[in-house]
Amino acid sequence: MKGRNISTHLNLGNGHPDIIRIDSDAFEKLLDAVIEYAMDKYNAEKNIWINEQQVLDLIGITSKTTLMKLRQEGKIKYTQPYARKIMYSKQSVLDFLEKHVRETF
């Protein structure tokens, strides 16, 4: 049912419920943005999970394909709380780097 309208009743403090109508696709995008914002805020405080760009920067790669391969091979732990958002365990990224440390002579 793509593109259908969603209605909700909110009480905005004016003494009676207000009705808000939004296209379902727009609602889904809004919900994704709110979830991403909340996760980023939570993770900034806890610093447990990091996003794709942070992993790429930390490992020093630019290829999202390489990152996907590391994820698929189980070399880096991740979570996917909803369809378009993948977060990575910062500790598993650090462990991956530590595992590949080479001793100097």
Protein backbone atom coordinates (compact mmCIF):
# COMPACT_ATOMS: atom_id res chain seq x y z
CA MET A 1 0.00 0.00 0.00
CA LYS A 2 2.62 2.45 -1.06
CA GLY A 3 1.72 6.09 -0.85
CA ARG A 4 -1.29 5.79 1.42
CA ASN A 5 -2.07 8.47 3.97
CA ILE A 6 -1.62 7.93 7.68
CA SER A 7 -3.62 9.89 10.22
CA THR A 8 -2.91 10.31 13.87
CA HIS A 9 -4.45 12.26 16.72
CA LEU A 10 -2.17 14.39 18.84
CA ASN A 11 -2.92 16.63 21.74
CA LEU A 12 -0.78 19.70 21.20
CA GLY A 13 -1.95 21.37 24.37
CA ASN A 14 -4.75 23.45 22.90
CA GLY A 15 -7.52 21.56 24.65
CA HIS A 16 -8.60 19.33 21.77
CA PRO A 17 -6.90 16.65 19.70
CA ASP A 18 -5.28 17.75 16.45
CA ILE A 19 -5.20 15.49 13.39
CA ILE A 20 -2.05 15.18 11.36
CA ARG A 21 -2.08 13.50 7.93
CA ILE A 22 1.11 12.36 6.25
CA ASP A 23 1.90 10.17 3.27
CA SER A 24 3.12 6.74 4.40
CA ASP A 25 6.39 7.07 2.45
CA ALA A 26 7.09 10.45 4.05
CA PHE A 27 6.18 9.01 7.46
CA GLU A 28 8.62 6.14 6.96
CA LYS A 29 11.42 8.56 6.03
CA LEU A 30 10.60 10.73 9.04
CA LEU A 31 10.58 7.70 11.34
CA ASP A 32 13.95 6.51 9.95
CA ALA A 33 15.42 9.97 10.56
CA VAL A 34 14.10 10.11 14.13
CA ILE A 35 15.45 6.63 14.90
CA GLU A 36 18.83 7.47 13.39
CA TYR A 37 19.00 10.70 15.40
CA ALA A 38 18.09 8.89 18.62
CA MET A 39 20.63 6.12 17.99
CA ASP A 40 23.37 8.61 17.16
CA LYS A 41 22.60 10.59 20.32
CA TYR A 42 22.58 7.43 22.48
CA ASN A 43 25.74 6.07 20.90
CA ALA A 44 27.56 9.37 21.23
CA GLU A 45 27.01 9.15 24.97
CA LYS A 46 27.81 5.44 25.30
CA ASN A 47 30.28 5.18 22.39
CA ILE A 48 29.42 1.48 21.96
CA TRP A 49 28.19 1.42 18.37
CA ILE A 50 29.61 3.43 15.49
CA ASN A 51 28.27 4.11 12.01
CA GLU A 52 29.67 3.04 8.65
CA GLN A 53 31.66 6.22 8.04
CA GLN A 54 33.25 6.04 11.48
CA VAL A 55 34.36 2.43 10.79
CA LEU A 56 35.79 3.39 7.41
CA ASP A 57 37.73 6.25 9.02
CA LEU A 58 38.92 4.10 11.94
CA ILE A 59 40.18 1.26 9.73
CA GLY A 60 41.50 3.64 7.10
CA ILE A 61 39.61 2.30 4.10
CA THR A 62 37.22 3.95 1.67
CA SER A 63 35.51 0.91 0.16
CA LYS A 64 32.05 0.09 1.46
CA THR A 65 32.38 -3.24 -0.36
CA THR A 66 35.42 -4.14 1.75
CA LEU A 67 33.50 -3.20 4.87
CA MET A 68 30.56 -5.37 3.76
CA LYS A 69 32.99 -8.27 3.21
CA LEU A 70 34.45 -7.87 6.71
CA ARG A 71 30.91 -7.88 8.09
CA GLN A 72 29.83 -10.94 6.09
CA GLU A 73 32.95 -12.87 7.10
CA GLY A 74 32.18 -12.18 10.75
CA LYS A 75 35.35 -10.19 11.32
CA ILE A 76 33.45 -7.18 12.64
CA LYS A 77 30.31 -7.39 14.78
CA TYR A 78 27.31 -5.35 13.73
CA THR A 79 23.67 -4.74 14.46
CA GLN A 80 20.92 -3.76 12.07
CA PRO A 81 18.11 -2.26 14.15
CA TYR A 82 16.11 -1.40 11.06
CA ALA A 83 16.38 -1.91 7.31
CA ARG A 84 18.62 0.98 6.32
CA LYS A 85 20.79 1.38 9.39
CA ILE A 86 23.80 -0.76 10.22
CA MET A 87 25.85 0.02 13.30
CA TYR A 88 29.17 -1.58 14.16
CA SER A 89 30.61 -2.61 17.51
CA LYS A 90 33.44 -0.17 18.15
CA GLN A 91 35.20 -2.77 20.30
CA SER A 92 35.08 -5.39 17.54
CA VAL A 93 36.60 -2.89 15.09
CA LEU A 94 39.38 -2.14 17.59
CA ASP A 95 39.87 -5.90 18.16
CA PHE A 96 40.10 -6.42 14.38
CA LEU A 97 42.82 -3.77 14.16
CA GLU A 98 44.67 -5.20 17.16
CA LYS A 99 44.59 -8.69 15.62
CA HIS A 100 46.45 -7.35 12.59
CA VAL A 101 49.16 -5.45 14.46
CA ARG A 102 52.65 -6.19 13.18
CA GLU A 103 55.59 -5.97 15.56
CA THR A 104 58.42 -3.68 14.53
CA PHE A 105 61.99 -4.94 14.35
